[in-house]
Amino acid sequence: GYRVIPESQPSQSDNPQPGHRPWYCNSDPEPAAVGISRIWVFGQQRRTGVASKLLDAVRQWFQYGSYIEKSQVAFSDPTGDGKMFASKYTGMTDFLVYKYG
């Protein structure tokens, strides 16, 4: 995956490359344990913890005998709402994405 460069910290030294969305990612790849292609929750059920519980289950059960840290989860080119969710879920503004370019 590639780290999203937080909007408040764009830097020439990070070698950002534009993606399909209006943000940039670091050009240095980092390992990710699992990639989330899509996650969708019915509009009326959003912000109730459903998506977080789904990802918690993936992190717990994806690889038998180990627990995946939130920092090792990569998201595929998230929408604006997806970016907000990924930031909130991982607790990081520089979460991992894959297939961004």
PDB file of N, CA and C in Angstrom:
ATOM      1  N   GLY A   1       0.820  -1.177   0.000  1.00  0.00           N
ATOM      2  CA  GLY A   1       0.000   0.000   0.000  1.00  0.00           C
ATOM      3  C   GLY A   1       0.866   1.244   0.000  1.00  0.00           C
ATOM      4  N   TYR A   2       0.220   2.364  -0.133  1.00  0.00           N
ATOM      5  CA  TYR A   2       0.889   3.663  -0.132  1.00  0.00           C
ATOM      6  C   TYR A   2       0.218   4.550   0.902  1.00  0.00           C
ATOM      7  N   ARG A   3       1.004   5.292   1.664  1.00  0.00           N
ATOM      8  CA  ARG A   3       0.459   6.180   2.686  1.00  0.00           C
ATOM      9  C   ARG A   3      -0.149   7.419   2.041  1.00  0.00           C
ATOM     10  N   VAL A   4      -1.355   7.753   2.463  1.00  0.00           N
ATOM     11  CA  VAL A   4      -1.988   9.001   2.057  1.00  0.00           C
ATOM     12  C   VAL A   4      -1.218  10.128   2.732  1.00  0.00           C
ATOM     13  N   ILE A   5      -0.922  11.168   1.988  1.00  0.00           N
ATOM     14  CA  ILE A   5      -0.270  12.337   2.571  1.00  0.00           C
ATOM     15  C   ILE A   5      -1.374  13.236   3.101  1.00  0.00           C
ATOM     16  N   PRO A   6      -1.392  13.479   4.414  1.00  0.00           N
ATOM     17  CA  PRO A   6      -2.445  14.326   4.989  1.00  0.00           C
ATOM     18  C   PRO A   6      -2.483  15.689   4.300  1.00  0.00           C
ATOM     19  N   GLU A   7      -3.670  16.211   4.096  1.00  0.00           N
ATOM     20  CA  GLU A   7      -3.848  17.460   3.355  1.00  0.00           C
ATOM     21  C   GLU A   7      -3.101  18.625   3.968  1.00  0.00           C
ATOM     22  N   SER A   8      -2.936  18.619   5.277  1.00  0.00           N
ATOM     23  CA  SER A   8      -2.275  19.736   5.937  1.00  0.00           C
ATOM     24  C   SER A   8      -0.756  19.659   5.839  1.00  0.00           C
ATOM     25  N   GLN A   9      -0.217  18.534   5.284  1.00  0.00           N
ATOM     26  CA  GLN A   9       1.226  18.360   5.256  1.00  0.00           C
ATOM     27  C   GLN A   9       1.792  17.979   3.890  1.00  0.00           C
ATOM     28  N   PRO A  10       1.327  18.519   2.773  1.00  0.00           N
ATOM     29  CA  PRO A  10       1.948  18.113   1.517  1.00  0.00           C
ATOM     30  C   PRO A  10       3.399  18.563   1.490  1.00  0.00           C
ATOM     31  N   SER A  11       4.279  17.678   1.058  1.00  0.00           N
ATOM     32  CA  SER A  11       5.705  17.977   1.085  1.00  0.00           C
ATOM     33  C   SER A  11       6.369  17.461  -0.183  1.00  0.00           C
ATOM     34  N   GLN A  12       7.262  18.244  -0.745  1.00  0.00           N
ATOM     35  CA  GLN A  12       7.993  17.818  -1.934  1.00  0.00           C
ATOM     36  C   GLN A  12       8.890  16.627  -1.629  1.00  0.00           C
ATOM     37  N   SER A  13       9.380  16.513  -0.392  1.00  0.00           N
ATOM     38  CA  SER A  13      10.311  15.440  -0.051  1.00  0.00           C
ATOM     39  C   SER A  13       9.640  14.078   0.017  1.00  0.00           C
ATOM     40  N   ASP A  14       8.309  14.037   0.083  1.00  0.00           N
ATOM     41  CA  ASP A  14       7.594  12.769   0.155  1.00  0.00           C
ATOM     42  C   ASP A  14       7.363  12.152  -1.224  1.00  0.00           C
ATOM     43  N   ASN A  15       7.754  12.847  -2.303  1.00  0.00           N
ATOM     44  CA  ASN A  15       7.540  12.370  -3.669  1.00  0.00           C
ATOM     45  C   ASN A  15       6.087  11.982  -3.920  1.00  0.00           C
ATOM     46  N   PRO A  16       5.135  12.888  -3.680  1.00  0.00           N
ATOM     47  CA  PRO A  16       3.730  12.530  -3.877  1.00  0.00           C
ATOM     48  C   PRO A  16       3.404  12.306  -5.342  1.00  0.00           C
ATOM     49  N   GLN A  17       2.448  11.416  -5.577  1.00  0.00           N
ATOM     50  CA  GLN A  17       1.934  11.184  -6.916  1.00  0.00           C
ATOM     51  C   GLN A  17       0.422  11.296  -6.845  1.00  0.00           C
ATOM     52  N   PRO A  18      -0.181  11.988  -7.802  1.00  0.00           N
ATOM     53  CA  PRO A  18      -1.630  12.141  -7.744  1.00  0.00           C
ATOM     54  C   PRO A  18      -2.350  10.830  -8.014  1.00  0.00           C
ATOM     55  N   GLY A  19      -3.464  10.633  -7.330  1.00  0.00           N
ATOM     56  CA  GLY A  19      -4.300   9.468  -7.565  1.00  0.00           C
ATOM     57  C   GLY A  19      -5.554   9.888  -8.294  1.00  0.00           C
ATOM     58  N   HIS A  20      -6.570   9.050  -8.262  1.00  0.00           N
ATOM     59  CA  HIS A  20      -7.826   9.386  -8.918  1.00  0.00           C
ATOM     60  C   HIS A  20      -8.645  10.361  -8.085  1.00  0.00           C
ATOM     61  N   ARG A  21      -8.334  10.492  -6.842  1.00  0.00           N
ATOM     62  CA  ARG A  21      -9.084  11.369  -5.942  1.00  0.00           C
ATOM     63  C   ARG A  21      -8.263  12.625  -5.659  1.00  0.00           C
ATOM     64  N   PRO A  22      -8.874  13.641  -5.060  1.00  0.00           N
ATOM     65  CA  PRO A  22      -8.149  14.895  -4.829  1.00  0.00           C
ATOM     66  C   PRO A  22      -7.233  14.846  -3.608  1.00  0.00           C
ATOM     67  N   TRP A  23      -6.365  13.850  -3.537  1.00  0.00           N
ATOM     68  CA  TRP A  23      -5.330  13.800  -2.513  1.00  0.00           C
ATOM     69  C   TRP A  23      -4.119  13.101  -3.097  1.00  0.00           C
ATOM     70  N   TYR A  24      -3.054  13.090  -2.350  1.00  0.00           N
ATOM     71  CA  TYR A  24      -1.798  12.520  -2.826  1.00  0.00           C
ATOM     72  C   TYR A  24      -1.346  11.398  -1.919  1.00  0.00           C
ATOM     73  N   CYS A  25      -0.504  10.527  -2.475  1.00  0.00           N
ATOM     74  CA  CYS A  25       0.061   9.417  -1.716  1.00  0.00           C
ATOM     75  C   CYS A  25       1.574   9.434  -1.849  1.00  0.00           C
ATOM     76  N   ASN A  26       2.227   8.909  -0.840  1.00  0.00           N
ATOM     77  CA  ASN A  26       3.665   8.733  -0.893  1.00  0.00           C
ATOM     78  C   ASN A  26       3.968   7.706  -1.979  1.00  0.00           C
ATOM     79  N   SER A  27       5.074   7.851  -2.666  1.00  0.00           N
ATOM     80  CA  SER A  27       5.401   6.923  -3.752  1.00  0.00           C
ATOM     81  C   SER A  27       6.159   5.688  -3.275  1.00  0.00           C
ATOM     82  N   ASP A  28       6.495   5.628  -1.996  1.00  0.00           N
ATOM     83  CA  ASP A  28       7.200   4.465  -1.450  1.00  0.00           C
ATOM     84  C   ASP A  28       6.196   3.441  -0.933  1.00  0.00           C
ATOM     85  N   PRO A  29       6.160   2.237  -1.514  1.00  0.00           N
ATOM     86  CA  PRO A  29       5.207   1.221  -1.049  1.00  0.00           C
ATOM     87  C   PRO A  29       5.565   0.693   0.334  1.00  0.00           C
ATOM     88  N   GLU A  30       4.533   0.313   1.075  1.00  0.00           N
ATOM     89  CA  GLU A  30       4.684  -0.297   2.395  1.00  0.00           C
ATOM     90  C   GLU A  30       3.852  -1.571   2.415  1.00  0.00           C
ATOM     91  N   PRO A  31       4.265  -2.566   3.196  1.00  0.00           N
ATOM     92  CA  PRO A  31       3.477  -3.799   3.259  1.00  0.00           C
ATOM     93  C   PRO A  31       2.129  -3.573   3.940  1.00  0.00           C
ATOM     94  N   ALA A  32       1.122  -4.242   3.429  1.00  0.00           N
ATOM     95  CA  ALA A  32      -0.209  -4.247   4.037  1.00  0.00           C
ATOM     96  C   ALA A  32      -0.599  -5.709   4.232  1.00  0.00           C
ATOM     97  N   ALA A  33      -1.252  -6.007   5.334  1.00  0.00           N
ATOM     98  CA  ALA A  33      -1.646  -7.387   5.621  1.00  0.00           C
ATOM     99  C   ALA A  33      -2.951  -7.756   4.927  1.00  0.00           C
ATOM    100  N   VAL A  34      -3.811  -6.772   4.694  1.00  0.00           N
ATOM    101  CA  VAL A  34      -5.102  -7.027   4.064  1.00  0.00           C
ATOM    102  C   VAL A  34      -5.538  -5.763   3.321  1.00  0.00           C
ATOM    103  N   GLY A  35      -6.207  -5.962   2.185  1.00  0.00           N
ATOM    104  CA  GLY A  35      -6.732  -4.843   1.420  1.00  0.00           C
ATOM    105  C   GLY A  35      -8.247  -4.893   1.391  1.00  0.00           C
ATOM    106  N   ILE A  36      -8.856  -3.754   1.601  1.00  0.00           N
ATOM    107  CA  ILE A  36     -10.318  -3.644   1.582  1.00  0.00           C
ATOM    108  C   ILE A  36     -10.706  -2.998   0.256  1.00  0.00           C
ATOM    109  N   SER A  37     -11.320  -3.786  -0.619  1.00  0.00           N
ATOM    110  CA  SER A  37     -11.708  -3.292  -1.928  1.00  0.00           C
ATOM    111  C   SER A  37     -12.903  -2.349  -1.821  1.00  0.00           C
ATOM    112  N   ARG A  38     -13.929  -2.780  -1.118  1.00  0.00           N
ATOM    113  CA  ARG A  38     -15.138  -1.969  -0.947  1.00  0.00           C
ATOM    114  C   ARG A  38     -15.767  -2.295   0.390  1.00  0.00           C
ATOM    115  N   ILE A  39     -16.377  -1.272   0.958  1.00  0.00           N
ATOM    116  CA  ILE A  39     -17.212  -1.498   2.135  1.00  0.00           C
ATOM    117  C   ILE A  39     -18.368  -0.519   2.006  1.00  0.00           C
ATOM    118  N   TRP A  40     -19.563  -1.049   2.071  1.00  0.00           N
ATOM    119  CA  TRP A  40     -20.746  -0.227   1.875  1.00  0.00           C
ATOM    120  C   TRP A  40     -21.758  -0.556   2.956  1.00  0.00           C
ATOM    121  N   VAL A  41     -22.368   0.480   3.491  1.00  0.00           N
ATOM    122  CA  VAL A  41     -23.413   0.333   4.503  1.00  0.00           C
ATOM    123  C   VAL A  41     -24.597   1.180   4.049  1.00  0.00           C
ATOM    124  N   PHE A  42     -25.791   0.632   4.174  1.00  0.00           N
ATOM    125  CA  PHE A  42     -27.023   1.347   3.836  1.00  0.00           C
ATOM    126  C   PHE A  42     -27.027   2.716   4.525  1.00  0.00           C
ATOM    127  N   GLY A  43     -27.417   3.744   3.792  1.00  0.00           N
ATOM    128  CA  GLY A  43     -27.357   5.120   4.278  1.00  0.00           C
ATOM    129  C   GLY A  43     -27.909   5.344   5.673  1.00  0.00           C
ATOM    130  N   GLN A  44     -29.071   4.747   5.971  1.00  0.00           N
ATOM    131  CA  GLN A  44     -29.695   4.957   7.279  1.00  0.00           C
ATOM    132  C   GLN A  44     -28.960   4.236   8.401  1.00  0.00           C
ATOM    133  N   GLN A  45     -28.074   3.308   8.050  1.00  0.00           N
ATOM    134  CA  GLN A  45     -27.333   2.560   9.070  1.00  0.00           C
ATOM    135  C   GLN A  45     -25.897   3.058   9.245  1.00  0.00           C
ATOM    136  N   ARG A  46     -25.512   4.066   8.466  1.00  0.00           N
ATOM    137  CA  ARG A  46     -24.151   4.590   8.583  1.00  0.00           C
ATOM    138  C   ARG A  46     -23.967   5.308   9.912  1.00  0.00           C
ATOM    139  N   ARG A  47     -22.722   5.349  10.353  1.00  0.00           N
ATOM    140  CA  ARG A  47     -22.330   5.970  11.628  1.00  0.00           C
ATOM    141  C   ARG A  47     -22.934   5.255  12.831  1.00  0.00           C
ATOM    142  N   THR A  48     -23.227   3.962  12.647  1.00  0.00           N
ATOM    143  CA  THR A  48     -23.730   3.148  13.763  1.00  0.00           C
ATOM    144  C   THR A  48     -22.724   2.075  14.160  1.00  0.00           C
ATOM    145  N   GLY A  49     -21.572   2.038  13.490  1.00  0.00           N
ATOM    146  CA  GLY A  49     -20.539   1.070  13.832  1.00  0.00           C
ATOM    147  C   GLY A  49     -20.543  -0.196  12.996  1.00  0.00           C
ATOM    148  N   VAL A  50     -21.448  -0.295  12.027  1.00  0.00           N
ATOM    149  CA  VAL A  50     -21.539  -1.511  11.214  1.00  0.00           C
ATOM    150  C   VAL A  50     -20.239  -1.745  10.439  1.00  0.00           C
ATOM    151  N   ALA A  51     -19.754  -0.739   9.728  1.00  0.00           N
ATOM    152  CA  ALA A  51     -18.535  -0.900   8.928  1.00  0.00           C
ATOM    153  C   ALA A  51     -17.335  -1.224   9.816  1.00  0.00           C
ATOM    154  N   SER A  52     -17.238  -0.575  10.952  1.00  0.00           N
ATOM    155  CA  SER A  52     -16.126  -0.847  11.881  1.00  0.00           C
ATOM    156  C   SER A  52     -16.167  -2.283  12.373  1.00  0.00           C
ATOM    157  N   LYS A  53     -17.363  -2.777  12.663  1.00  0.00           N
ATOM    158  CA  LYS A  53     -17.486  -4.165  13.126  1.00  0.00           C
ATOM    159  C   LYS A  53     -17.107  -5.149  12.025  1.00  0.00           C
ATOM    160  N   LEU A  54     -17.473  -4.837  10.784  1.00  0.00           N
ATOM    161  CA  LEU A  54     -17.086  -5.699   9.665  1.00  0.00           C
ATOM    162  C   LEU A  54     -15.564  -5.755   9.519  1.00  0.00           C
ATOM    163  N   LEU A  55     -14.921  -4.595   9.589  1.00  0.00           N
ATOM    164  CA  LEU A  55     -13.462  -4.577   9.465  1.00  0.00           C
ATOM    165  C   LEU A  55     -12.782  -5.213  10.669  1.00  0.00           C
ATOM    166  N   ASP A  56     -13.368  -5.054  11.850  1.00  0.00           N
ATOM    167  CA  ASP A  56     -12.816  -5.735  13.033  1.00  0.00           C
ATOM    168  C   ASP A  56     -12.839  -7.247  12.831  1.00  0.00           C
ATOM    169  N   ALA A  57     -13.923  -7.751  12.235  1.00  0.00           N
ATOM    170  CA  ALA A  57     -14.023  -9.192  11.974  1.00  0.00           C
ATOM    171  C   ALA A  57     -12.972  -9.629  10.953  1.00  0.00           C
ATOM    172  N   VAL A  58     -12.767  -8.830   9.916  1.00  0.00           N
ATOM    173  CA  VAL A  58     -11.731  -9.150   8.928  1.00  0.00           C
ATOM    174  C   VAL A  58     -10.370  -9.206   9.608  1.00  0.00           C
ATOM    175  N   ARG A  59     -10.070  -8.214  10.418  1.00  0.00           N
ATOM    176  CA  ARG A  59      -8.761  -8.162  11.088  1.00  0.00           C
ATOM    177  C   ARG A  59      -8.564  -9.344  12.031  1.00  0.00           C
ATOM    178  N   GLN A  60      -9.632  -9.792  12.661  1.00  0.00           N
ATOM    179  CA  GLN A  60      -9.518 -10.895  13.616  1.00  0.00           C
ATOM    180  C   GLN A  60      -9.426 -12.248  12.926  1.00  0.00           C
ATOM    181  N   TRP A  61     -10.154 -12.436  11.828  1.00  0.00           N
ATOM    182  CA  TRP A  61     -10.287 -13.765  11.238  1.00  0.00           C
ATOM    183  C   TRP A  61      -9.597 -13.955   9.893  1.00  0.00           C
ATOM    184  N   PHE A  62      -9.045 -12.917   9.281  1.00  0.00           N
ATOM    185  CA  PHE A  62      -8.444 -13.032   7.950  1.00  0.00           C
ATOM    186  C   PHE A  62      -7.264 -13.996   7.934  1.00  0.00           C
ATOM    187  N   GLN A  63      -6.410 -13.899   8.906  1.00  0.00           N
ATOM    188  CA  GLN A  63      -5.226 -14.760   8.976  1.00  0.00           C
ATOM    189  C   GLN A  63      -5.282 -15.542  10.282  1.00  0.00           C
ATOM    190  N   TYR A  64      -5.485 -16.833  10.183  1.00  0.00           N
ATOM    191  CA  TYR A  64      -5.659 -17.683  11.358  1.00  0.00           C
ATOM    192  C   TYR A  64      -4.475 -17.543  12.318  1.00  0.00           C
ATOM    193  N   GLY A  65      -4.798 -17.346  13.571  1.00  0.00           N
ATOM    194  CA  GLY A  65      -3.775 -17.292  14.606  1.00  0.00           C
ATOM    195  C   GLY A  65      -3.111 -15.944  14.797  1.00  0.00           C
ATOM    196  N   SER A  66      -3.530 -14.936  14.041  1.00  0.00           N
ATOM    197  CA  SER A  66      -2.939 -13.612  14.238  1.00  0.00           C
ATOM    198  C   SER A  66      -4.020 -12.543  14.145  1.00  0.00           C
ATOM    199  N   TYR A  67      -3.709 -11.398  14.696  1.00  0.00           N
ATOM    200  CA  TYR A  67      -4.629 -10.269  14.684  1.00  0.00           C
ATOM    201  C   TYR A  67      -3.955  -9.143  13.908  1.00  0.00           C
ATOM    202  N   ILE A  68      -4.608  -8.637  12.899  1.00  0.00           N
ATOM    203  CA  ILE A  68      -4.047  -7.597  12.036  1.00  0.00           C
ATOM    204  C   ILE A  68      -4.274  -6.230  12.670  1.00  0.00           C
ATOM    205  N   GLU A  69      -3.218  -5.457  12.758  1.00  0.00           N
ATOM    206  CA  GLU A  69      -3.314  -4.096  13.294  1.00  0.00           C
ATOM    207  C   GLU A  69      -4.027  -3.188  12.291  1.00  0.00           C
ATOM    208  N   LYS A  70      -4.693  -2.166  12.796  1.00  0.00           N
ATOM    209  CA  LYS A  70      -5.398  -1.229  11.916  1.00  0.00           C
ATOM    210  C   LYS A  70      -4.442  -0.554  10.938  1.00  0.00           C
ATOM    211  N   SER A  71      -3.213  -0.334  11.363  1.00  0.00           N
ATOM    212  CA  SER A  71      -2.228   0.321  10.500  1.00  0.00           C
ATOM    213  C   SER A  71      -1.804  -0.555   9.327  1.00  0.00           C
ATOM    214  N   GLN A  72      -2.154  -1.849   9.344  1.00  0.00           N
ATOM    215  CA  GLN A  72      -1.792  -2.779   8.273  1.00  0.00           C
ATOM    216  C   GLN A  72      -2.940  -3.019   7.292  1.00  0.00           C
ATOM    217  N   VAL A  73      -4.032  -2.278   7.435  1.00  0.00           N
ATOM    218  CA  VAL A  73      -5.183  -2.396   6.541  1.00  0.00           C
ATOM    219  C   VAL A  73      -5.047  -1.333   5.451  1.00  0.00           C
ATOM    220  N   ALA A  74      -5.173  -1.744   4.187  1.00  0.00           N
ATOM    221  CA  ALA A  74      -5.117  -0.806   3.063  1.00  0.00           C
ATOM    222  C   ALA A  74      -6.498  -0.738   2.408  1.00  0.00           C
ATOM    223  N   PHE A  75      -6.858   0.435   1.948  1.00  0.00           N
ATOM    224  CA  PHE A  75      -8.152   0.674   1.308  1.00  0.00           C
ATOM    225  C   PHE A  75      -7.917   1.004  -0.163  1.00  0.00           C
ATOM    226  N   SER A  76      -8.832   0.561  -1.042  1.00  0.00           N
ATOM    227  CA  SER A  76      -8.657   0.847  -2.469  1.00  0.00           C
ATOM    228  C   SER A  76      -9.320   2.166  -2.824  1.00  0.00           C
ATOM    229  N   ASP A  77      -8.509   3.145  -3.175  1.00  0.00           N
ATOM    230  CA  ASP A  77      -8.957   4.442  -3.674  1.00  0.00           C
ATOM    231  C   ASP A  77     -10.320   4.861  -3.113  1.00  0.00           C
ATOM    232  N   PRO A  78     -10.398   5.173  -1.829  1.00  0.00           N
ATOM    233  CA  PRO A  78     -11.698   5.468  -1.221  1.00  0.00           C
ATOM    234  C   PRO A  78     -12.329   6.763  -1.728  1.00  0.00           C
ATOM    235  N   THR A  79     -13.642   6.796  -1.662  1.00  0.00           N
ATOM    236  CA  THR A  79     -14.385   8.022  -1.962  1.00  0.00           C
ATOM    237  C   THR A  79     -14.123   9.015  -0.830  1.00  0.00           C
ATOM    238  N   GLY A  80     -14.701  10.191  -0.914  1.00  0.00           N
ATOM    239  CA  GLY A  80     -14.558  11.166   0.168  1.00  0.00           C
ATOM    240  C   GLY A  80     -15.060  10.618   1.492  1.00  0.00           C
ATOM    241  N   ASP A  81     -16.253   9.981   1.464  1.00  0.00           N
ATOM    242  CA  ASP A  81     -16.793   9.369   2.682  1.00  0.00           C
ATOM    243  C   ASP A  81     -15.907   8.223   3.150  1.00  0.00           C
ATOM    244  N   GLY A  82     -15.388   7.455   2.190  1.00  0.00           N
ATOM    245  CA  GLY A  82     -14.503   6.351   2.534  1.00  0.00           C
ATOM    246  C   GLY A  82     -13.216   6.832   3.170  1.00  0.00           C
ATOM    247  N   LYS A  83     -12.713   7.963   2.693  1.00  0.00           N
ATOM    248  CA  LYS A  83     -11.500   8.537   3.274  1.00  0.00           C
ATOM    249  C   LYS A  83     -11.754   8.958   4.717  1.00  0.00           C
ATOM    250  N   MET A  84     -12.913   9.575   4.956  1.00  0.00           N
ATOM    251  CA  MET A  84     -13.252   9.964   6.333  1.00  0.00           C
ATOM    252  C   MET A  84     -13.365   8.730   7.218  1.00  0.00           C
ATOM    253  N   PHE A  85     -14.010   7.674   6.711  1.00  0.00           N
ATOM    254  CA  PHE A  85     -14.149   6.445   7.484  1.00  0.00           C
ATOM    255  C   PHE A  85     -12.782   5.827   7.771  1.00  0.00           C
ATOM    256  N   ALA A  86     -11.940   5.709   6.745  1.00  0.00           N
ATOM    257  CA  ALA A  86     -10.620   5.092   6.917  1.00  0.00           C
ATOM    258  C   ALA A  86      -9.785   5.858   7.938  1.00  0.00           C
ATOM    259  N   SER A  87      -9.834   7.182   7.889  1.00  0.00           N
ATOM    260  CA  SER A  87      -9.091   7.996   8.857  1.00  0.00           C
ATOM    261  C   SER A  87      -9.598   7.771  10.271  1.00  0.00           C
ATOM    262  N   LYS A  88     -10.919   7.769  10.408  1.00  0.00           N
ATOM    263  CA  LYS A  88     -11.503   7.575  11.738  1.00  0.00           C
ATOM    264  C   LYS A  88     -11.245   6.156  12.240  1.00  0.00           C
ATOM    265  N   TYR A  89     -11.413   5.170  11.375  1.00  0.00           N
ATOM    266  CA  TYR A  89     -11.256   3.773  11.784  1.00  0.00           C
ATOM    267  C   TYR A  89      -9.819   3.463  12.190  1.00  0.00           C
ATOM    268  N   THR A  90      -8.866   3.890  11.369  1.00  0.00           N
ATOM    269  CA  THR A  90      -7.463   3.581  11.661  1.00  0.00           C
ATOM    270  C   THR A  90      -6.867   4.521  12.699  1.00  0.00           C
ATOM    271  N   GLY A  91      -7.506   5.664  12.893  1.00  0.00           N
ATOM    272  CA  GLY A  91      -6.958   6.659  13.814  1.00  0.00           C
ATOM    273  C   GLY A  91      -5.768   7.399  13.214  1.00  0.00           C
ATOM    274  N   MET A  92      -5.632   7.323  11.882  1.00  0.00           N
ATOM    275  CA  MET A  92      -4.497   7.945  11.197  1.00  0.00           C
ATOM    276  C   MET A  92      -4.973   8.693   9.957  1.00  0.00           C
ATOM    277  N   THR A  93      -4.429   9.872   9.729  1.00  0.00           N
ATOM    278  CA  THR A  93      -4.752  10.585   8.495  1.00  0.00           C
ATOM    279  C   THR A  93      -3.907  10.073   7.338  1.00  0.00           C
ATOM    280  N   ASP A  94      -2.846   9.317   7.655  1.00  0.00           N
ATOM    281  CA  ASP A  94      -1.979   8.766   6.607  1.00  0.00           C
ATOM    282  C   ASP A  94      -2.156   7.253   6.486  1.00  0.00           C
ATOM    283  N   PHE A  95      -3.405   6.808   6.410  1.00  0.00           N
ATOM    284  CA  PHE A  95      -3.714   5.380   6.268  1.00  0.00           C
ATOM    285  C   PHE A  95      -3.211   4.875   4.916  1.00  0.00           C
ATOM    286  N   LEU A  96      -3.181   3.554   4.760  1.00  0.00           N
ATOM    287  CA  LEU A  96      -2.689   2.939   3.520  1.00  0.00           C
ATOM    288  C   LEU A  96      -3.785   2.816   2.464  1.00  0.00           C
ATOM    289  N   VAL A  97      -3.410   3.049   1.213  1.00  0.00           N
ATOM    290  CA  VAL A  97      -4.298   2.793   0.081  1.00  0.00           C
ATOM    291  C   VAL A  97      -3.538   1.944  -0.933  1.00  0.00           C
ATOM    292  N   TYR A  98      -4.275   1.271  -1.813  1.00  0.00           N
ATOM    293  CA  TYR A  98      -3.647   0.521  -2.890  1.00  0.00           C
ATOM    294  C   TYR A  98      -4.396   0.795  -4.176  1.00  0.00           C
ATOM    295  N   LYS A  99      -3.731   0.567  -5.300  1.00  0.00           N
ATOM    296  CA  LYS A  99      -4.304   0.826  -6.633  1.00  0.00           C
ATOM    297  C   LYS A  99      -4.780   2.266  -6.753  1.00  0.00           C
ATOM    298  N   TYR A 100      -4.001   3.187  -6.288  1.00  0.00           N
ATOM    299  CA  TYR A 100      -4.435   4.581  -6.313  1.00  0.00           C
ATOM    300  C   TYR A 100      -4.106   5.281  -7.622  1.00  0.00           C
ATOM    301  N   GLY A 101      -3.252   4.730  -8.428  1.00  0.00           N
ATOM    302  CA  GLY A 101      -2.801   5.457  -9.610  1.00  0.00           C
ATOM    303  C   GLY A 101      -3.138   4.809 -10.895  1.00  0.00           C
TER     304      GLY A 101
END
